[in-house]
Amino acid sequence: MNWYLEVLKQYAVFSGRARRKEYWMFTLFSLIVSLILGIAEWILGDVTGADLSIISLLYNLAIMLPSIGVSIRRLHDIDRSGWWLLLSFIPILGWIVLIVFAARDSTPGENEYGPNPKGE
């Protein structure tokens, strides 16, 4: 949970580097919260007829900037520009490439985006 809160504290920070653990823990907790909200809305019958109801929409809007920020910092950690995140607009192939990038280990030492967050 601390990883999730750390990303939220860096709400719109797009510089620096983010470890794999920080990225994936934020993604996991975001998914869990989204699932809980979806189930709660289904149980309470708070579905507005659209694919997303109001509570889910507000949550997704609230975590949009932190999600983009941690994704860019994760790309920086493997010595890639944040512009690589635009691959997400390419269905399937772009998503696969970004998942592979997110799963790669950090670039050892310091790169142009800052020191290694692992402390190596």
PDB file of N, CA and C in Angstrom:
ATOM      1  N   MET A   1       0.827  -1.195   0.000  1.00  0.00           N
ATOM      2  CA  MET A   1       0.000   0.000   0.000  1.00  0.00           C
ATOM      3  C   MET A   1       0.871   1.258   0.000  1.00  0.00           C
ATOM      4  N   ASN A   2       2.067   1.162   0.613  1.00  0.00           N
ATOM      5  CA  ASN A   2       2.957   2.323   0.647  1.00  0.00           C
ATOM      6  C   ASN A   2       3.373   2.751  -0.752  1.00  0.00           C
ATOM      7  N   TRP A   3       3.571   1.781  -1.654  1.00  0.00           N
ATOM      8  CA  TRP A   3       3.962   2.112  -3.028  1.00  0.00           C
ATOM      9  C   TRP A   3       2.859   2.899  -3.714  1.00  0.00           C
ATOM     10  N   TYR A   4       1.623   2.516  -3.461  1.00  0.00           N
ATOM     11  CA  TYR A   4       0.473   3.202  -4.047  1.00  0.00           C
ATOM     12  C   TYR A   4       0.414   4.647  -3.558  1.00  0.00           C
ATOM     13  N   LEU A   5       0.594   4.818  -2.253  1.00  0.00           N
ATOM     14  CA  LEU A   5       0.542   6.166  -1.669  1.00  0.00           C
ATOM     15  C   LEU A   5       1.713   7.032  -2.123  1.00  0.00           C
ATOM     16  N   GLU A   6       2.879   6.418  -2.303  1.00  0.00           N
ATOM     17  CA  GLU A   6       4.037   7.181  -2.786  1.00  0.00           C
ATOM     18  C   GLU A   6       3.793   7.749  -4.177  1.00  0.00           C
ATOM     19  N   VAL A   7       3.171   6.953  -5.032  1.00  0.00           N
ATOM     20  CA  VAL A   7       2.864   7.439  -6.381  1.00  0.00           C
ATOM     21  C   VAL A   7       1.849   8.573  -6.296  1.00  0.00           C
ATOM     22  N   LEU A   8       0.857   8.439  -5.430  1.00  0.00           N
ATOM     23  CA  LEU A   8      -0.137   9.506  -5.287  1.00  0.00           C
ATOM     24  C   LEU A   8       0.476  10.790  -4.729  1.00  0.00           C
ATOM     25  N   LYS A   9       1.485  10.663  -3.868  1.00  0.00           N
ATOM     26  CA  LYS A   9       2.174  11.849  -3.348  1.00  0.00           C
ATOM     27  C   LYS A   9       2.934  12.577  -4.448  1.00  0.00           C
ATOM     28  N   GLN A  10       3.403  11.828  -5.441  1.00  0.00           N
ATOM     29  CA  GLN A  10       4.107  12.420  -6.589  1.00  0.00           C
ATOM     30  C   GLN A  10       3.103  12.588  -7.719  1.00  0.00           C
ATOM     31  N   TYR A  11       1.988  13.236  -7.426  1.00  0.00           N
ATOM     32  CA  TYR A  11       0.809  13.294  -8.283  1.00  0.00           C
ATOM     33  C   TYR A  11       1.116  13.595  -9.747  1.00  0.00           C
ATOM     34  N   ALA A  12       1.882  14.615  -9.999  1.00  0.00           N
ATOM     35  CA  ALA A  12       2.161  14.990 -11.392  1.00  0.00           C
ATOM     36  C   ALA A  12       3.660  15.144 -11.610  1.00  0.00           C
ATOM     37  N   VAL A  13       4.445  14.224 -11.064  1.00  0.00           N
ATOM     38  CA  VAL A  13       5.896  14.250 -11.243  1.00  0.00           C
ATOM     39  C   VAL A  13       6.229  13.351 -12.426  1.00  0.00           C
ATOM     40  N   PHE A  14       6.793  13.963 -13.459  1.00  0.00           N
ATOM     41  CA  PHE A  14       7.113  13.221 -14.674  1.00  0.00           C
ATOM     42  C   PHE A  14       8.619  13.073 -14.872  1.00  0.00           C
ATOM     43  N   SER A  15       9.405  13.550 -13.940  1.00  0.00           N
ATOM     44  CA  SER A  15      10.857  13.423 -14.038  1.00  0.00           C
ATOM     45  C   SER A  15      11.341  12.400 -13.014  1.00  0.00           C
ATOM     46  N   GLY A  16      12.515  11.896 -13.233  1.00  0.00           N
ATOM     47  CA  GLY A  16      13.080  10.912 -12.327  1.00  0.00           C
ATOM     48  C   GLY A  16      12.805   9.499 -12.804  1.00  0.00           C
ATOM     49  N   ARG A  17      12.990   8.565 -11.898  1.00  0.00           N
ATOM     50  CA  ARG A  17      12.884   7.148 -12.241  1.00  0.00           C
ATOM     51  C   ARG A  17      11.987   6.436 -11.238  1.00  0.00           C
ATOM     52  N   ALA A  18      11.316   5.380 -11.691  1.00  0.00           N
ATOM     53  CA  ALA A  18      10.460   4.561 -10.823  1.00  0.00           C
ATOM     54  C   ALA A  18      10.850   3.096 -10.980  1.00  0.00           C
ATOM     55  N   ARG A  19      11.029   2.429  -9.863  1.00  0.00           N
ATOM     56  CA  ARG A  19      11.373   1.009  -9.878  1.00  0.00           C
ATOM     57  C   ARG A  19      10.217   0.173 -10.402  1.00  0.00           C
ATOM     58  N   ARG A  20      10.533  -1.054 -10.788  1.00  0.00           N
ATOM     59  CA  ARG A  20       9.491  -1.991 -11.215  1.00  0.00           C
ATOM     60  C   ARG A  20       8.454  -2.186 -10.126  1.00  0.00           C
ATOM     61  N   LYS A  21       8.941  -2.349  -8.896  1.00  0.00           N
ATOM     62  CA  LYS A  21       8.038  -2.616  -7.786  1.00  0.00           C
ATOM     63  C   LYS A  21       7.053  -1.466  -7.590  1.00  0.00           C
ATOM     64  N   GLU A  22       7.545  -0.243  -7.668  1.00  0.00           N
ATOM     65  CA  GLU A  22       6.669   0.925  -7.519  1.00  0.00           C
ATOM     66  C   GLU A  22       5.591   0.925  -8.595  1.00  0.00           C
ATOM     67  N   TYR A  23       5.981   0.685  -9.835  1.00  0.00           N
ATOM     68  CA  TYR A  23       5.039   0.690 -10.952  1.00  0.00           C
ATOM     69  C   TYR A  23       3.999  -0.412 -10.810  1.00  0.00           C
ATOM     70  N   TRP A  24       4.464  -1.639 -10.574  1.00  0.00           N
ATOM     71  CA  TRP A  24       3.539  -2.767 -10.555  1.00  0.00           C
ATOM     72  C   TRP A  24       2.650  -2.774  -9.318  1.00  0.00           C
ATOM     73  N   MET A  25       3.157  -2.313  -8.178  1.00  0.00           N
ATOM     74  CA  MET A  25       2.313  -2.243  -6.984  1.00  0.00           C
ATOM     75  C   MET A  25       1.230  -1.182  -7.160  1.00  0.00           C
ATOM     76  N   PHE A  26       1.574  -0.054  -7.766  1.00  0.00           N
ATOM     77  CA  PHE A  26       0.568   0.964  -8.045  1.00  0.00           C
ATOM     78  C   PHE A  26      -0.491   0.406  -8.997  1.00  0.00           C
ATOM     79  N   THR A  27      -0.055  -0.301 -10.016  1.00  0.00           N
ATOM     80  CA  THR A  27      -0.983  -0.888 -10.977  1.00  0.00           C
ATOM     81  C   THR A  27      -1.889  -1.914 -10.300  1.00  0.00           C
ATOM     82  N   LEU A  28      -1.319  -2.758  -9.451  1.00  0.00           N
ATOM     83  CA  LEU A  28      -2.095  -3.772  -8.742  1.00  0.00           C
ATOM     84  C   LEU A  28      -3.146  -3.135  -7.845  1.00  0.00           C
ATOM     85  N   PHE A  29      -2.747  -2.167  -7.010  1.00  0.00           N
ATOM     86  CA  PHE A  29      -3.698  -1.534  -6.099  1.00  0.00           C
ATOM     87  C   PHE A  29      -4.759  -0.741  -6.851  1.00  0.00           C
ATOM     88  N   SER A  30      -4.390  -0.127  -7.969  1.00  0.00           N
ATOM     89  CA  SER A  30      -5.381   0.584  -8.783  1.00  0.00           C
ATOM     90  C   SER A  30      -6.411  -0.388  -9.333  1.00  0.00           C
ATOM     91  N   LEU A  31      -5.947  -1.541  -9.777  1.00  0.00           N
ATOM     92  CA  LEU A  31      -6.857  -2.560 -10.285  1.00  0.00           C
ATOM     93  C   LEU A  31      -7.779  -3.077  -9.183  1.00  0.00           C
ATOM     94  N   ILE A  32      -7.228  -3.326  -8.005  1.00  0.00           N
ATOM     95  CA  ILE A  32      -8.032  -3.804  -6.881  1.00  0.00           C
ATOM     96  C   ILE A  32      -9.100  -2.784  -6.506  1.00  0.00           C
ATOM     97  N   VAL A  33      -8.716  -1.514  -6.403  1.00  0.00           N
ATOM     98  CA  VAL A  33      -9.685  -0.463  -6.067  1.00  0.00           C
ATOM     99  C   VAL A  33     -10.763  -0.377  -7.144  1.00  0.00           C
ATOM    100  N   SER A  34     -10.371  -0.457  -8.411  1.00  0.00           N
ATOM    101  CA  SER A  34     -11.350  -0.408  -9.500  1.00  0.00           C
ATOM    102  C   SER A  34     -12.331  -1.579  -9.421  1.00  0.00           C
ATOM    103  N   LEU A  35     -11.812  -2.770  -9.131  1.00  0.00           N
ATOM    104  CA  LEU A  35     -12.687  -3.939  -8.995  1.00  0.00           C
ATOM    105  C   LEU A  35     -13.652  -3.785  -7.823  1.00  0.00           C
ATOM    106  N   ILE A  36     -13.156  -3.307  -6.700  1.00  0.00           N
ATOM    107  CA  ILE A  36     -14.013  -3.111  -5.522  1.00  0.00           C
ATOM    108  C   ILE A  36     -15.095  -2.075  -5.823  1.00  0.00           C
ATOM    109  N   LEU A  37     -14.712  -0.979  -6.473  1.00  0.00           N
ATOM    110  CA  LEU A  37     -15.713   0.034  -6.840  1.00  0.00           C
ATOM    111  C   LEU A  37     -16.748  -0.529  -7.803  1.00  0.00           C
ATOM    112  N   GLY A  38     -16.302  -1.309  -8.774  1.00  0.00           N
ATOM    113  CA  GLY A  38     -17.227  -1.910  -9.731  1.00  0.00           C
ATOM    114  C   GLY A  38     -18.210  -2.857  -9.072  1.00  0.00           C
ATOM    115  N   ILE A  39     -17.695  -3.680  -8.168  1.00  0.00           N
ATOM    116  CA  ILE A  39     -18.569  -4.623  -7.455  1.00  0.00           C
ATOM    117  C   ILE A  39     -19.540  -3.866  -6.559  1.00  0.00           C
ATOM    118  N   ALA A  40     -19.057  -2.861  -5.861  1.00  0.00           N
ATOM    119  CA  ALA A  40     -19.926  -2.067  -4.987  1.00  0.00           C
ATOM    120  C   ALA A  40     -21.018  -1.360  -5.793  1.00  0.00           C
ATOM    121  N   GLU A  41     -20.674  -0.831  -6.940  1.00  0.00           N
ATOM    122  CA  GLU A  41     -21.674  -0.161  -7.766  1.00  0.00           C
ATOM    123  C   GLU A  41     -22.693  -1.155  -8.313  1.00  0.00           C
ATOM    124  N   TRP A  42     -22.222  -2.349  -8.657  1.00  0.00           N
ATOM    125  CA  TRP A  42     -23.135  -3.376  -9.155  1.00  0.00           C
ATOM    126  C   TRP A  42     -24.115  -3.800  -8.062  1.00  0.00           C
ATOM    127  N   ILE A  43     -23.578  -3.991  -6.841  1.00  0.00           N
ATOM    128  CA  ILE A  43     -24.421  -4.404  -5.725  1.00  0.00           C
ATOM    129  C   ILE A  43     -25.425  -3.315  -5.370  1.00  0.00           C
ATOM    130  N   LEU A  44     -24.965  -2.087  -5.351  1.00  0.00           N
ATOM    131  CA  LEU A  44     -25.849  -0.983  -4.971  1.00  0.00           C
ATOM    132  C   LEU A  44     -26.772  -0.541  -6.106  1.00  0.00           C
ATOM    133  N   GLY A  45     -26.556  -1.081  -7.266  1.00  0.00           N
ATOM    134  CA  GLY A  45     -27.401  -0.720  -8.390  1.00  0.00           C
ATOM    135  C   GLY A  45     -27.177   0.699  -8.865  1.00  0.00           C
ATOM    136  N   ASP A  46     -25.937   1.183  -8.708  1.00  0.00           N
ATOM    137  CA  ASP A  46     -25.611   2.567  -9.056  1.00  0.00           C
ATOM    138  C   ASP A  46     -25.069   2.653 -10.486  1.00  0.00           C
ATOM    139  N   VAL A  47     -25.582   1.811 -11.371  1.00  0.00           N
ATOM    140  CA  VAL A  47     -25.114   1.822 -12.750  1.00  0.00           C
ATOM    141  C   VAL A  47     -25.957   2.824 -13.532  1.00  0.00           C
ATOM    142  N   THR A  48     -25.290   3.710 -14.224  1.00  0.00           N
ATOM    143  CA  THR A  48     -25.991   4.783 -14.933  1.00  0.00           C
ATOM    144  C   THR A  48     -26.369   4.405 -16.348  1.00  0.00           C
ATOM    145  N   GLY A  49     -26.091   3.193 -16.755  1.00  0.00           N
ATOM    146  CA  GLY A  49     -26.393   2.768 -18.112  1.00  0.00           C
ATOM    147  C   GLY A  49     -25.182   2.868 -19.024  1.00  0.00           C
ATOM    148  N   ALA A  50     -24.164   3.610 -18.607  1.00  0.00           N
ATOM    149  CA  ALA A  50     -22.926   3.711 -19.380  1.00  0.00           C
ATOM    150  C   ALA A  50     -21.974   2.604 -18.922  1.00  0.00           C
ATOM    151  N   ASP A  51     -20.861   2.471 -19.642  1.00  0.00           N
ATOM    152  CA  ASP A  51     -19.884   1.457 -19.265  1.00  0.00           C
ATOM    153  C   ASP A  51     -19.261   1.763 -17.903  1.00  0.00           C
ATOM    154  N   LEU A  52     -19.056   3.028 -17.608  1.00  0.00           N
ATOM    155  CA  LEU A  52     -18.496   3.435 -16.317  1.00  0.00           C
ATOM    156  C   LEU A  52     -19.535   4.241 -15.560  1.00  0.00           C
ATOM    157  N   SER A  53     -19.669   3.977 -14.296  1.00  0.00           N
ATOM    158  CA  SER A  53     -20.572   4.792 -13.502  1.00  0.00           C
ATOM    159  C   SER A  53     -19.798   5.969 -12.922  1.00  0.00           C
ATOM    160  N   ILE A  54     -20.483   6.807 -12.214  1.00  0.00           N
ATOM    161  CA  ILE A  54     -19.903   8.055 -11.723  1.00  0.00           C
ATOM    162  C   ILE A  54     -18.719   7.822 -10.789  1.00  0.00           C
ATOM    163  N   ILE A  55     -18.854   6.902  -9.850  1.00  0.00           N
ATOM    164  CA  ILE A  55     -17.774   6.682  -8.873  1.00  0.00           C
ATOM    165  C   ILE A  55     -16.525   6.152  -9.576  1.00  0.00           C
ATOM    166  N   SER A  56     -16.681   5.192 -10.463  1.00  0.00           N
ATOM    167  CA  SER A  56     -15.543   4.650 -11.207  1.00  0.00           C
ATOM    168  C   SER A  56     -14.914   5.721 -12.087  1.00  0.00           C
ATOM    169  N   LEU A  57     -15.747   6.524 -12.726  1.00  0.00           N
ATOM    170  CA  LEU A  57     -15.247   7.592 -13.577  1.00  0.00           C
ATOM    171  C   LEU A  57     -14.421   8.593 -12.768  1.00  0.00           C
ATOM    172  N   LEU A  58     -14.919   8.982 -11.606  1.00  0.00           N
ATOM    173  CA  LEU A  58     -14.176   9.921 -10.754  1.00  0.00           C
ATOM    174  C   LEU A  58     -12.858   9.322 -10.280  1.00  0.00           C
ATOM    175  N   TYR A  59     -12.866   8.037  -9.909  1.00  0.00           N
ATOM    176  CA  TYR A  59     -11.629   7.385  -9.477  1.00  0.00           C
ATOM    177  C   TYR A  59     -10.619   7.341 -10.625  1.00  0.00           C
ATOM    178  N   ASN A  60     -11.084   6.952 -11.813  1.00  0.00           N
ATOM    179  CA  ASN A  60     -10.174   6.887 -12.957  1.00  0.00           C
ATOM    180  C   ASN A  60      -9.615   8.254 -13.327  1.00  0.00           C
ATOM    181  N   LEU A  61     -10.417   9.293 -13.227  1.00  0.00           N
ATOM    182  CA  LEU A  61      -9.917  10.643 -13.476  1.00  0.00           C
ATOM    183  C   LEU A  61      -8.896  11.055 -12.418  1.00  0.00           C
ATOM    184  N   ALA A  62      -9.144  10.650 -11.163  1.00  0.00           N
ATOM    185  CA  ALA A  62      -8.242  11.022 -10.072  1.00  0.00           C
ATOM    186  C   ALA A  62      -6.872  10.362 -10.205  1.00  0.00           C
ATOM    187  N   ILE A  63      -6.811   9.153 -10.729  1.00  0.00           N
ATOM    188  CA  ILE A  63      -5.519   8.465 -10.828  1.00  0.00           C
ATOM    189  C   ILE A  63      -4.891   8.570 -12.214  1.00  0.00           C
ATOM    190  N   MET A  64      -5.509   9.332 -13.109  1.00  0.00           N
ATOM    191  CA  MET A  64      -4.967   9.425 -14.463  1.00  0.00           C
ATOM    192  C   MET A  64      -3.577  10.053 -14.477  1.00  0.00           C
ATOM    193  N   LEU A  65      -3.397  11.212 -13.863  1.00  0.00           N
ATOM    194  CA  LEU A  65      -2.079  11.854 -13.849  1.00  0.00           C
ATOM    195  C   LEU A  65      -1.037  11.039 -13.091  1.00  0.00           C
ATOM    196  N   PRO A  66      -1.354  10.495 -11.896  1.00  0.00           N
ATOM    197  CA  PRO A  66      -0.354   9.637 -11.243  1.00  0.00           C
ATOM    198  C   PRO A  66       0.016   8.419 -12.087  1.00  0.00           C
ATOM    199  N   SER A  67      -0.937   7.851 -12.806  1.00  0.00           N
ATOM    200  CA  SER A  67      -0.658   6.688 -13.660  1.00  0.00           C
ATOM    201  C   SER A  67       0.282   7.062 -14.797  1.00  0.00           C
ATOM    202  N   ILE A  68       0.023   8.194 -15.415  1.00  0.00           N
ATOM    203  CA  ILE A  68       0.898   8.658 -16.493  1.00  0.00           C
ATOM    204  C   ILE A  68       2.280   8.966 -15.936  1.00  0.00           C
ATOM    205  N   GLY A  69       2.328   9.621 -14.776  1.00  0.00           N
ATOM    206  CA  GLY A  69       3.604   9.975 -14.161  1.00  0.00           C
ATOM    207  C   GLY A  69       4.447   8.757 -13.824  1.00  0.00           C
ATOM    208  N   VAL A  70       3.850   7.752 -13.185  1.00  0.00           N
ATOM    209  CA  VAL A  70       4.626   6.567 -12.816  1.00  0.00           C
ATOM    210  C   VAL A  70       5.022   5.779 -14.059  1.00  0.00           C
ATOM    211  N   SER A  71       4.202   5.804 -15.099  1.00  0.00           N
ATOM    212  CA  SER A  71       4.561   5.118 -16.347  1.00  0.00           C
ATOM    213  C   SER A  71       5.752   5.791 -17.021  1.00  0.00           C
ATOM    214  N   ILE A  72       5.749   7.100 -17.034  1.00  0.00           N
ATOM    215  CA  ILE A  72       6.877   7.840 -17.623  1.00  0.00           C
ATOM    216  C   ILE A  72       8.144   7.616 -16.808  1.00  0.00           C
ATOM    217  N   ARG A  73       8.027   7.668 -15.476  1.00  0.00           N
ATOM    218  CA  ARG A  73       9.203   7.430 -14.632  1.00  0.00           C
ATOM    219  C   ARG A  73       9.715   6.005 -14.795  1.00  0.00           C
ATOM    220  N   ARG A  74       8.806   5.047 -15.029  1.00  0.00           N
ATOM    221  CA  ARG A  74       9.226   3.655 -15.259  1.00  0.00           C
ATOM    222  C   ARG A  74       9.997   3.550 -16.567  1.00  0.00           C
ATOM    223  N   LEU A  75       9.541   4.244 -17.604  1.00  0.00           N
ATOM    224  CA  LEU A  75      10.278   4.260 -18.866  1.00  0.00           C
ATOM    225  C   LEU A  75      11.642   4.918 -18.678  1.00  0.00           C
ATOM    226  N   HIS A  76      11.704   5.965 -17.880  1.00  0.00           N
ATOM    227  CA  HIS A  76      12.988   6.614 -17.602  1.00  0.00           C
ATOM    228  C   HIS A  76      13.942   5.648 -16.913  1.00  0.00           C
ATOM    229  N   ASP A  77      13.400   4.766 -16.074  1.00  0.00           N
ATOM    230  CA  ASP A  77      14.245   3.835 -15.334  1.00  0.00           C
ATOM    231  C   ASP A  77      14.952   2.850 -16.254  1.00  0.00           C
ATOM    232  N   ILE A  78      14.361   2.567 -17.408  1.00  0.00           N
ATOM    233  CA  ILE A  78      15.023   1.665 -18.357  1.00  0.00           C
ATOM    234  C   ILE A  78      15.686   2.463 -19.478  1.00  0.00           C
ATOM    235  N   ASP A  79      15.905   3.748 -19.217  1.00  0.00           N
ATOM    236  CA  ASP A  79      16.609   4.650 -20.133  1.00  0.00           C
ATOM    237  C   ASP A  79      15.855   4.864 -21.444  1.00  0.00           C
ATOM    238  N   ARG A  80      14.546   5.019 -21.338  1.00  0.00           N
ATOM    239  CA  ARG A  80      13.692   5.341 -22.482  1.00  0.00           C
ATOM    240  C   ARG A  80      12.989   6.664 -22.217  1.00  0.00           C
ATOM    241  N   SER A  81      12.690   7.378 -23.259  1.00  0.00           N
ATOM    242  CA  SER A  81      11.964   8.635 -23.144  1.00  0.00           C
ATOM    243  C   SER A  81      10.504   8.359 -22.783  1.00  0.00           C
ATOM    244  N   GLY A  82       9.874   9.306 -22.121  1.00  0.00           N
ATOM    245  CA  GLY A  82       8.462   9.180 -21.794  1.00  0.00           C
ATOM    246  C   GLY A  82       7.569   9.168 -23.022  1.00  0.00           C
ATOM    247  N   TRP A  83       8.089   9.626 -24.142  1.00  0.00           N
ATOM    248  CA  TRP A  83       7.322   9.624 -25.384  1.00  0.00           C
ATOM    249  C   TRP A  83       6.975   8.205 -25.838  1.00  0.00           C
ATOM    250  N   TRP A  84       7.704   7.210 -25.357  1.00  0.00           N
ATOM    251  CA  TRP A  84       7.393   5.820 -25.685  1.00  0.00           C
ATOM    252  C   TRP A  84       5.998   5.443 -25.178  1.00  0.00           C
ATOM    253  N   LEU A  85       5.480   6.177 -24.217  1.00  0.00           N
ATOM    254  CA  LEU A  85       4.146   5.900 -23.682  1.00  0.00           C
ATOM    255  C   LEU A  85       3.071   6.063 -24.757  1.00  0.00           C
ATOM    256  N   LEU A  86       3.377   6.805 -25.810  1.00  0.00           N
ATOM    257  CA  LEU A  86       2.424   6.970 -26.915  1.00  0.00           C
ATOM    258  C   LEU A  86       2.151   5.647 -27.636  1.00  0.00           C
ATOM    259  N   LEU A  87       2.982   4.638 -27.401  1.00  0.00           N
ATOM    260  CA  LEU A  87       2.717   3.316 -27.971  1.00  0.00           C
ATOM    261  C   LEU A  87       1.397   2.736 -27.467  1.00  0.00           C
ATOM    262  N   SER A  88       0.917   3.249 -26.353  1.00  0.00           N
ATOM    263  CA  SER A  88      -0.348   2.741 -25.814  1.00  0.00           C
ATOM    264  C   SER A  88      -1.519   3.017 -26.750  1.00  0.00           C
ATOM    265  N   PHE A  89      -1.349   3.923 -27.701  1.00  0.00           N
ATOM    266  CA  PHE A  89      -2.408   4.203 -28.663  1.00  0.00           C
ATOM    267  C   PHE A  89      -2.444   3.187 -29.809  1.00  0.00           C
ATOM    268  N   ILE A  90      -1.451   2.310 -29.854  1.00  0.00           N
ATOM    269  CA  ILE A  90      -1.433   1.242 -30.857  1.00  0.00           C
ATOM    270  C   ILE A  90      -2.012   0.001 -30.190  1.00  0.00           C
ATOM    271  N   PRO A  91      -3.194  -0.423 -30.614  1.00  0.00           N
ATOM    272  CA  PRO A  91      -3.823  -1.576 -29.949  1.00  0.00           C
ATOM    273  C   PRO A  91      -2.953  -2.825 -30.010  1.00  0.00           C
ATOM    274  N   ILE A  92      -2.982  -3.568 -28.972  1.00  0.00           N
ATOM    275  CA  ILE A  92      -2.349  -4.865 -28.749  1.00  0.00           C
ATOM    276  C   ILE A  92      -0.822  -4.810 -28.864  1.00  0.00           C
ATOM    277  N   LEU A  93      -0.278  -4.528 -30.033  1.00  0.00           N
ATOM    278  CA  LEU A  93       1.174  -4.516 -30.201  1.00  0.00           C
ATOM    279  C   LEU A  93       1.837  -3.460 -29.311  1.00  0.00           C
ATOM    280  N   GLY A  94       1.300  -2.271 -29.281  1.00  0.00           N
ATOM    281  CA  GLY A  94       1.845  -1.212 -28.436  1.00  0.00           C
ATOM    282  C   GLY A  94       1.757  -1.561 -26.967  1.00  0.00           C
ATOM    283  N   TRP A  95       0.639  -2.167 -26.569  1.00  0.00           N
ATOM    284  CA  TRP A  95       0.467  -2.562 -25.175  1.00  0.00           C
ATOM    285  C   TRP A  95       1.466  -3.642 -24.781  1.00  0.00           C
ATOM    286  N   ILE A  96       1.693  -4.588 -25.676  1.00  0.00           N
ATOM    287  CA  ILE A  96       2.650  -5.669 -25.395  1.00  0.00           C
ATOM    288  C   ILE A  96       4.050  -5.088 -25.218  1.00  0.00           C
ATOM    289  N   VAL A  97       4.444  -4.173 -26.092  1.00  0.00           N
ATOM    290  CA  VAL A  97       5.769  -3.550 -25.991  1.00  0.00           C
ATOM    291  C   VAL A  97       5.904  -2.815 -24.660  1.00  0.00           C
ATOM    292  N   LEU A  98       4.881  -2.074 -24.249  1.00  0.00           N
ATOM    293  CA  LEU A  98       4.948  -1.337 -22.988  1.00  0.00           C
ATOM    294  C   LEU A  98       4.988  -2.266 -21.777  1.00  0.00           C
ATOM    295  N   ILE A  99       4.291  -3.388 -21.840  1.00  0.00           N
ATOM    296  CA  ILE A  99       4.353  -4.359 -20.743  1.00  0.00           C
ATOM    297  C   ILE A  99       5.755  -4.955 -20.643  1.00  0.00           C
ATOM    298  N   VAL A 100       6.360  -5.256 -21.789  1.00  0.00           N
ATOM    299  CA  VAL A 100       7.735  -5.776 -21.791  1.00  0.00           C
ATOM    300  C   VAL A 100       8.684  -4.727 -21.221  1.00  0.00           C
ATOM    301  N   PHE A 101       8.527  -3.463 -21.616  1.00  0.00           N
ATOM    302  CA  PHE A 101       9.363  -2.391 -21.077  1.00  0.00           C
ATOM    303  C   PHE A 101       9.183  -2.279 -19.564  1.00  0.00           C
ATOM    304  N   ALA A 102       7.944  -2.351 -19.090  1.00  0.00           N
ATOM    305  CA  ALA A 102       7.675  -2.215 -17.658  1.00  0.00           C
ATOM    306  C   ALA A 102       8.248  -3.376 -16.860  1.00  0.00           C
ATOM    307  N   ALA A 103       8.401  -4.515 -17.494  1.00  0.00           N
ATOM    308  CA  ALA A 103       8.923  -5.695 -16.803  1.00  0.00           C
ATOM    309  C   ALA A 103      10.448  -5.760 -16.791  1.00  0.00           C
ATOM    310  N   ARG A 104      11.109  -4.926 -17.609  1.00  0.00           N
ATOM    311  CA  ARG A 104      12.574  -4.949 -17.670  1.00  0.00           C
ATOM    312  C   ARG A 104      13.188  -4.405 -16.390  1.00  0.00           C
ATOM    313  N   ASP A 105      14.387  -4.869 -16.094  1.00  0.00           N
ATOM    314  CA  ASP A 105      15.121  -4.398 -14.925  1.00  0.00           C
ATOM    315  C   ASP A 105      15.659  -2.994 -15.180  1.00  0.00           C
ATOM    316  N   SER A 106      15.932  -2.294 -14.105  1.00  0.00           N
ATOM    317  CA  SER A 106      16.454  -0.934 -14.186  1.00  0.00           C
ATOM    318  C   SER A 106      17.796  -0.885 -14.897  1.00  0.00           C
ATOM    319  N   THR A 107      18.061   0.253 -15.529  1.00  0.00           N
ATOM    320  CA  THR A 107      19.384   0.499 -16.081  1.00  0.00           C
ATOM    321  C   THR A 107      20.325   0.707 -14.899  1.00  0.00           C
ATOM    322  N   PRO A 108      21.429  -0.051 -14.826  1.00  0.00           N
ATOM    323  CA  PRO A 108      22.329   0.097 -13.684  1.00  0.00           C
ATOM    324  C   PRO A 108      22.955   1.489 -13.632  1.00  0.00           C
ATOM    325  N   GLY A 109      23.205   1.941 -12.425  1.00  0.00           N
ATOM    326  CA  GLY A 109      23.863   3.229 -12.231  1.00  0.00           C
ATOM    327  C   GLY A 109      22.962   4.395 -12.593  1.00  0.00           C
ATOM    328  N   GLU A 110      23.606   5.494 -12.903  1.00  0.00           N
ATOM    329  CA  GLU A 110      22.871   6.715 -13.228  1.00  0.00           C
ATOM    330  C   GLU A 110      22.689   6.811 -14.738  1.00  0.00           C
ATOM    331  N   ASN A 111      21.522   7.280 -15.167  1.00  0.00           N
ATOM    332  CA  ASN A 111      21.314   7.566 -16.573  1.00  0.00           C
ATOM    333  C   ASN A 111      20.907   9.037 -16.700  1.00  0.00           C
ATOM    334  N   GLU A 112      20.492   9.456 -17.874  1.00  0.00           N
ATOM    335  CA  GLU A 112      20.180  10.877 -18.069  1.00  0.00           C
ATOM    336  C   GLU A 112      18.965  11.340 -17.273  1.00  0.00           C
ATOM    337  N   TYR A 113      18.205  10.404 -16.707  1.00  0.00           N
ATOM    338  CA  TYR A 113      17.002  10.762 -15.956  1.00  0.00           C
ATOM    339  C   TYR A 113      17.224  10.757 -14.434  1.00  0.00           C
ATOM    340  N   GLY A 114      18.421  10.411 -14.006  1.00  0.00           N
ATOM    341  CA  GLY A 114      18.736  10.465 -12.588  1.00  0.00           C
ATOM    342  C   GLY A 114      19.378   9.183 -12.092  1.00  0.00           C
ATOM    343  N   PRO A 115      19.646   9.136 -10.777  1.00  0.00           N
ATOM    344  CA  PRO A 115      20.278   7.952 -10.196  1.00  0.00           C
ATOM    345  C   PRO A 115      19.305   6.779 -10.120  1.00  0.00           C
ATOM    346  N   ASN A 116      19.865   5.592 -10.045  1.00  0.00           N
ATOM    347  CA  ASN A 116      19.066   4.381  -9.943  1.00  0.00           C
ATOM    348  C   ASN A 116      18.307   4.393  -8.626  1.00  0.00           C
ATOM    349  N   PRO A 117      16.974   4.218  -8.654  1.00  0.00           N
ATOM    350  CA  PRO A 117      16.207   4.237  -7.411  1.00  0.00           C
ATOM    351  C   PRO A 117      16.473   3.034  -6.507  1.00  0.00           C
ATOM    352  N   LYS A 118      17.105   1.992  -7.057  1.00  0.00           N
ATOM    353  CA  LYS A 118      17.455   0.833  -6.229  1.00  0.00           C
ATOM    354  C   LYS A 118      18.635   1.143  -5.324  1.00  0.00           C
ATOM    355  N   GLY A 119      19.369   2.183  -5.641  1.00  0.00           N
ATOM    356  CA  GLY A 119      20.512   2.532  -4.833  1.00  0.00           C
ATOM    357  C   GLY A 119      21.779   1.807  -5.228  1.00  0.00           C
ATOM    358  N   GLU A 120      21.821   1.250  -6.444  1.00  0.00           N
ATOM    359  CA  GLU A 120      23.009   0.527  -6.894  1.00  0.00           C
ATOM    360  C   GLU A 120      24.104   1.484  -7.263  1.00  0.00           C
TER     361      GLU A 120
END
